[in-house]
Amino acid sequence: MRNRWMCLVLLSAALLMVNAPAAFAQGVGTSCEISGTWYGGSDPAFQYLWTISPMAGGRYNSVIQPGFDNRPFGYITWTSWTGELLKIDARTYDGYAMSYWVWDPAAAAAAGVDATLPEVDIVRGRVQLIDCNTLTNSIDVYAAYFSFTPPKIPFVTPPDVDWLQFLNPGVTTLVETYHRMPTACPACPFPAAVSSASPAMMPKPPKPGPKPSMR
C-alpha cells in the first residue's frame, strides 16, 4: 500500500508540473470577476457608470447610467441602459441593453415623431476583460425605435434609425473603455485643502448629449 501511495503522489506531482504552464498560458484576466462598478466610455465628455451583477448560468445583470444631459437634443427624460451580459469564456461576454427616451412635444412635432409614445434605443457589444481592472465594450449595434409600442421587439424588429452610422459614418464598431472603481482609498482622508473646496471653486458646465437634434 505504501509503494502504491508513493506512486500516486509522484504521478500527481508530475501531472501538476506538466499542466502548470498551460494554466499560466491562459492569459491575464482568466481569474477576474466582471461583476462590480465600472466607469468610462468612448468620449471624455460622455461618460457612464456601469454596474454589473451576477445572476445564474453565466448571465449578469447590467445597468449603465449616463453622466450627461440629453435635454438640448429634444428629450425631456430617459432611463438608464438596462440589460444583460452573457458569458462566452473567462474574459469575453456578449452584452445587450435597452433604454427608454421621452421626447419634448415641440421637438417631436418638428421631427415627425409621436411624443405620446417613447423612443426605445438598443445597443449590443462584445465585452472583454483586458485585466482585472479594465474592460472594453466593442459596440456593433446602436439603434432606435421611434413611437415604440409592444409589437415592436427590440433586437428583432428592424429599427427606425441606425445611430451608430448616423453619428459615426463608416464606423462599424465603436470601442468603449471602462475602469473598475477602486474599493480602497490609501490617501483617505484627503487633505483639508481639497476637502474644503467650495462648489464655486469647481464649476461644472453642462455637457451636451451624444445624440444630434432631430428638429
Protein backbone atom coordinates (compact mmCIF):
# COMPACT_ATOMS: atom_id res chain seq x y z
CA MET A 1 0.00 0.00 0.00
CA ARG A 2 2.82 2.37 0.83
CA ASN A 3 4.52 1.86 -2.55
CA ARG A 4 1.23 2.40 -4.34
CA TRP A 5 0.62 5.58 -2.37
CA MET A 6 4.07 6.89 -3.25
CA CYS A 7 3.43 6.16 -6.93
CA LEU A 8 0.20 8.14 -6.81
CA VAL A 9 1.96 11.08 -5.15
CA LEU A 10 4.72 11.13 -7.74
CA LEU A 11 2.21 10.78 -10.61
CA SER A 12 0.13 13.68 -9.26
CA ALA A 13 3.22 15.86 -8.95
CA ALA A 14 4.29 15.04 -12.49
CA LEU A 15 0.82 15.90 -13.88
CA LEU A 16 0.83 19.19 -11.97
CA MET A 17 4.19 20.15 -13.48
CA VAL A 18 3.01 19.28 -16.98
CA ASN A 19 -0.27 21.21 -16.69
CA ALA A 20 1.10 24.27 -14.88
CA PRO A 21 2.47 26.03 -17.98
CA ALA A 22 -0.85 25.58 -19.78
CA ALA A 23 -2.73 27.11 -16.85
CA PHE A 24 -0.47 30.17 -16.75
CA ALA A 25 -0.62 30.50 -20.55
CA GLN A 26 -4.36 31.24 -20.48
CA GLY A 27 -3.54 34.94 -20.11
CA VAL A 28 -4.21 37.89 -17.84
CA GLY A 29 -7.74 38.15 -16.54
CA THR A 30 -8.75 34.48 -16.60
CA SER A 31 -9.48 34.58 -12.86
CA CYS A 32 -11.04 38.07 -12.83
CA GLU A 33 -14.68 38.58 -11.89
CA ILE A 34 -16.50 41.07 -14.12
CA SER A 35 -19.18 41.97 -11.57
CA GLY A 36 -18.68 45.32 -9.88
CA THR A 37 -18.83 49.05 -10.59
CA TRP A 38 -17.08 50.47 -13.65
CA TYR A 39 -16.65 53.96 -15.11
CA GLY A 40 -15.71 55.17 -18.60
CA GLY A 41 -16.94 55.39 -22.19
CA SER A 42 -15.61 56.29 -25.65
CA ASP A 43 -15.51 60.08 -25.15
CA PRO A 44 -14.33 62.03 -22.07
CA ALA A 45 -17.34 64.34 -22.46
CA PHE A 46 -19.85 61.47 -22.41
CA GLN A 47 -19.05 59.15 -19.54
CA TYR A 48 -21.04 56.34 -17.90
CA LEU A 49 -21.24 54.38 -14.66
CA TRP A 50 -21.70 50.66 -15.31
CA THR A 51 -22.92 48.27 -12.60
CA ILE A 52 -22.63 44.54 -13.35
CA SER A 53 -24.24 41.99 -11.01
CA PRO A 54 -24.00 38.17 -11.25
CA MET A 55 -27.04 36.03 -12.00
CA ALA A 56 -27.28 32.28 -12.63
CA GLY A 57 -25.94 30.34 -15.61
CA GLY A 58 -23.19 32.72 -16.72
CA ARG A 59 -25.55 35.69 -17.06
CA TYR A 60 -25.05 39.11 -15.49
CA ASN A 61 -27.44 41.99 -14.87
CA SER A 62 -26.18 45.22 -16.46
CA VAL A 63 -27.18 48.82 -15.62
CA ILE A 64 -25.39 51.72 -17.35
CA GLN A 65 -26.08 55.27 -16.15
CA PRO A 66 -25.15 58.29 -18.31
CA GLY A 67 -23.38 61.26 -16.75
CA PHE A 68 -24.55 63.98 -19.14
CA ASP A 69 -27.61 65.96 -20.24
CA ASN A 70 -29.69 64.99 -23.30
CA ARG A 71 -32.33 67.71 -22.99
CA PRO A 72 -30.68 70.02 -25.57
CA PHE A 73 -31.32 67.32 -28.16
CA GLY A 74 -35.09 67.11 -27.83
CA TYR A 75 -35.57 64.73 -24.86
CA ILE A 76 -37.18 65.61 -21.55
CA THR A 77 -36.30 62.37 -19.75
CA TRP A 78 -34.64 58.99 -20.33
CA THR A 79 -33.85 55.81 -18.44
CA SER A 80 -30.56 54.09 -17.72
CA TRP A 81 -29.36 51.44 -20.16
CA THR A 82 -30.59 48.16 -18.69
CA GLY A 83 -29.72 44.69 -19.95
CA GLU A 84 -27.65 41.53 -19.56
CA LEU A 85 -24.21 40.13 -20.24
CA LEU A 86 -23.85 36.53 -21.45
CA LYS A 87 -20.55 34.84 -20.63
CA ILE A 88 -18.68 33.39 -23.63
CA ASP A 89 -15.43 32.45 -21.87
CA ALA A 90 -13.34 33.61 -18.90
CA ARG A 91 -12.66 37.01 -20.46
CA THR A 92 -15.40 37.51 -23.08
CA TYR A 93 -19.09 38.43 -22.82
CA ASP A 94 -21.90 39.45 -25.17
CA GLY A 95 -23.79 42.48 -23.90
CA TYR A 96 -27.34 43.59 -24.70
CA ALA A 97 -29.06 46.70 -23.30
CA MET A 98 -32.01 49.00 -23.98
CA SER A 99 -33.31 52.33 -22.73
CA TYR A 100 -36.47 54.44 -22.98
CA TRP A 101 -36.43 58.07 -24.17
CA VAL A 102 -39.26 60.61 -23.91
CA TRP A 103 -39.41 63.42 -26.49
CA ASP A 104 -40.17 67.06 -25.84
CA PRO A 105 -43.51 67.65 -27.64
CA ALA A 106 -42.18 70.57 -29.71
CA ALA A 107 -39.06 68.65 -30.78
CA ALA A 108 -41.15 65.57 -31.58
CA ALA A 109 -43.52 67.59 -33.77
CA ALA A 110 -40.58 69.05 -35.70
CA ALA A 111 -39.09 65.59 -36.21
CA GLY A 112 -42.39 63.93 -37.11
CA VAL A 113 -42.31 61.69 -34.03
CA ASP A 114 -45.29 60.87 -31.79
CA ALA A 115 -44.43 62.45 -28.43
CA THR A 116 -47.11 60.41 -26.65
CA LEU A 117 -45.05 57.24 -27.24
CA PRO A 118 -41.48 56.69 -26.05
CA GLU A 119 -38.41 56.03 -28.15
CA VAL A 120 -36.56 52.80 -27.38
CA ASP A 121 -32.83 52.58 -28.04
CA ILE A 122 -30.85 49.34 -28.22
CA VAL A 123 -27.16 48.54 -28.02
CA ARG A 124 -25.18 45.33 -28.47
CA GLY A 125 -21.48 44.86 -27.83
CA ARG A 126 -18.68 42.36 -27.24
CA VAL A 127 -17.30 42.94 -23.75
CA GLN A 128 -13.76 41.81 -22.94
CA LEU A 129 -11.75 41.92 -19.74
CA ILE A 130 -8.32 43.33 -20.57
CA ASP A 131 -7.18 42.79 -17.00
CA CYS A 132 -8.96 42.65 -13.65
CA ASN A 133 -9.47 46.43 -13.59
CA THR A 134 -10.05 47.27 -17.28
CA LEU A 135 -12.64 46.18 -19.83
CA THR A 136 -13.62 47.19 -23.34
CA ASN A 137 -17.06 47.22 -24.93
CA SER A 138 -16.97 46.94 -28.74
CA ILE A 139 -20.41 48.17 -29.87
CA ASP A 140 -21.66 46.98 -33.27
CA VAL A 141 -25.37 47.79 -32.81
CA TYR A 142 -26.66 51.17 -31.63
CA ALA A 143 -30.14 51.91 -32.97
CA ALA A 144 -33.59 53.22 -32.09
CA TYR A 145 -37.31 52.60 -32.48
CA PHE A 146 -39.41 55.77 -32.65
CA SER A 147 -43.01 55.81 -31.32
CA PHE A 148 -42.36 52.47 -29.64
CA THR A 149 -45.21 50.03 -28.93
CA PRO A 150 -45.03 46.43 -27.64
CA PRO A 151 -45.50 44.81 -31.08
CA LYS A 152 -42.02 46.09 -31.89
CA ILE A 153 -39.49 43.64 -30.43
CA PRO A 154 -36.06 45.09 -29.55
CA PHE A 155 -33.19 43.42 -31.47
CA VAL A 156 -35.74 41.50 -33.59
CA THR A 157 -37.80 44.17 -35.35
CA PRO A 158 -35.64 46.27 -37.75
CA PRO A 159 -35.01 49.65 -36.04
CA ASP A 160 -36.09 53.02 -37.42
CA VAL A 161 -32.63 54.59 -37.26
CA ASP A 162 -29.05 53.29 -37.02
CA TRP A 163 -27.48 55.71 -34.51
CA LEU A 164 -24.05 54.11 -34.93
CA GLN A 165 -23.88 55.04 -38.62
CA PHE A 166 -25.82 58.29 -38.19
CA LEU A 167 -23.32 59.60 -35.64
CA ASN A 168 -20.20 57.85 -36.99
CA PRO A 169 -20.50 57.38 -40.77
CA GLY A 170 -18.39 54.48 -41.98
CA VAL A 171 -17.70 53.17 -38.46
CA THR A 172 -18.84 49.59 -37.88
CA THR A 173 -17.63 49.23 -34.29
CA LEU A 174 -17.40 51.80 -31.50
CA VAL A 175 -14.98 50.81 -28.74
CA GLU A 176 -15.54 51.99 -25.18
CA THR A 177 -13.06 51.56 -22.32
CA TYR A 178 -14.09 51.17 -18.68
CA HIS A 179 -12.11 51.01 -15.44
CA ARG A 180 -13.11 49.26 -12.22
CA MET A 181 -13.96 51.57 -9.35
CA PRO A 182 -11.33 51.10 -6.60
CA THR A 183 -12.55 49.78 -3.27
CA ALA A 184 -9.54 51.06 -1.34
CA CYS A 185 -8.53 54.65 -0.58
CA PRO A 186 -4.86 54.88 0.51
CA ALA A 187 -4.97 58.70 0.59
CA CYS A 188 -8.14 58.93 2.72
CA PRO A 189 -8.92 61.21 4.41
CA PHE A 190 -7.90 63.70 1.74
CA PRO A 191 -6.02 66.89 2.70
CA ALA A 192 -8.15 69.70 4.13
CA ALA A 193 -7.27 71.99 1.19
CA VAL A 194 -9.10 69.58 -1.12
CA SER A 195 -11.98 68.58 1.11
CA SER A 196 -12.84 72.21 1.96
CA ALA A 197 -13.04 73.39 -1.66
CA SER A 198 -16.34 75.15 -2.31
CA PRO A 199 -18.59 74.40 -5.33
CA ALA A 200 -17.77 77.89 -6.64
CA MET A 201 -14.13 76.82 -6.95
CA MET A 202 -15.03 73.80 -9.07
CA PRO A 203 -17.59 74.87 -11.72
CA LYS A 204 -19.30 72.09 -13.68
CA PRO A 205 -20.51 73.39 -17.06
CA PRO A 206 -23.40 71.47 -18.65
CA LYS A 207 -22.43 68.84 -21.21
CA PRO A 208 -24.43 68.06 -24.35
CA GLY A 209 -25.75 64.55 -25.03
CA PRO A 210 -24.28 62.28 -27.67
CA LYS A 211 -27.28 62.43 -30.00
CA PRO A 212 -27.92 65.11 -32.62
CA SER A 213 -31.09 67.14 -32.58
CA MET A 214 -33.85 65.68 -34.76
CA ARG A 215 -35.51 69.10 -35.08
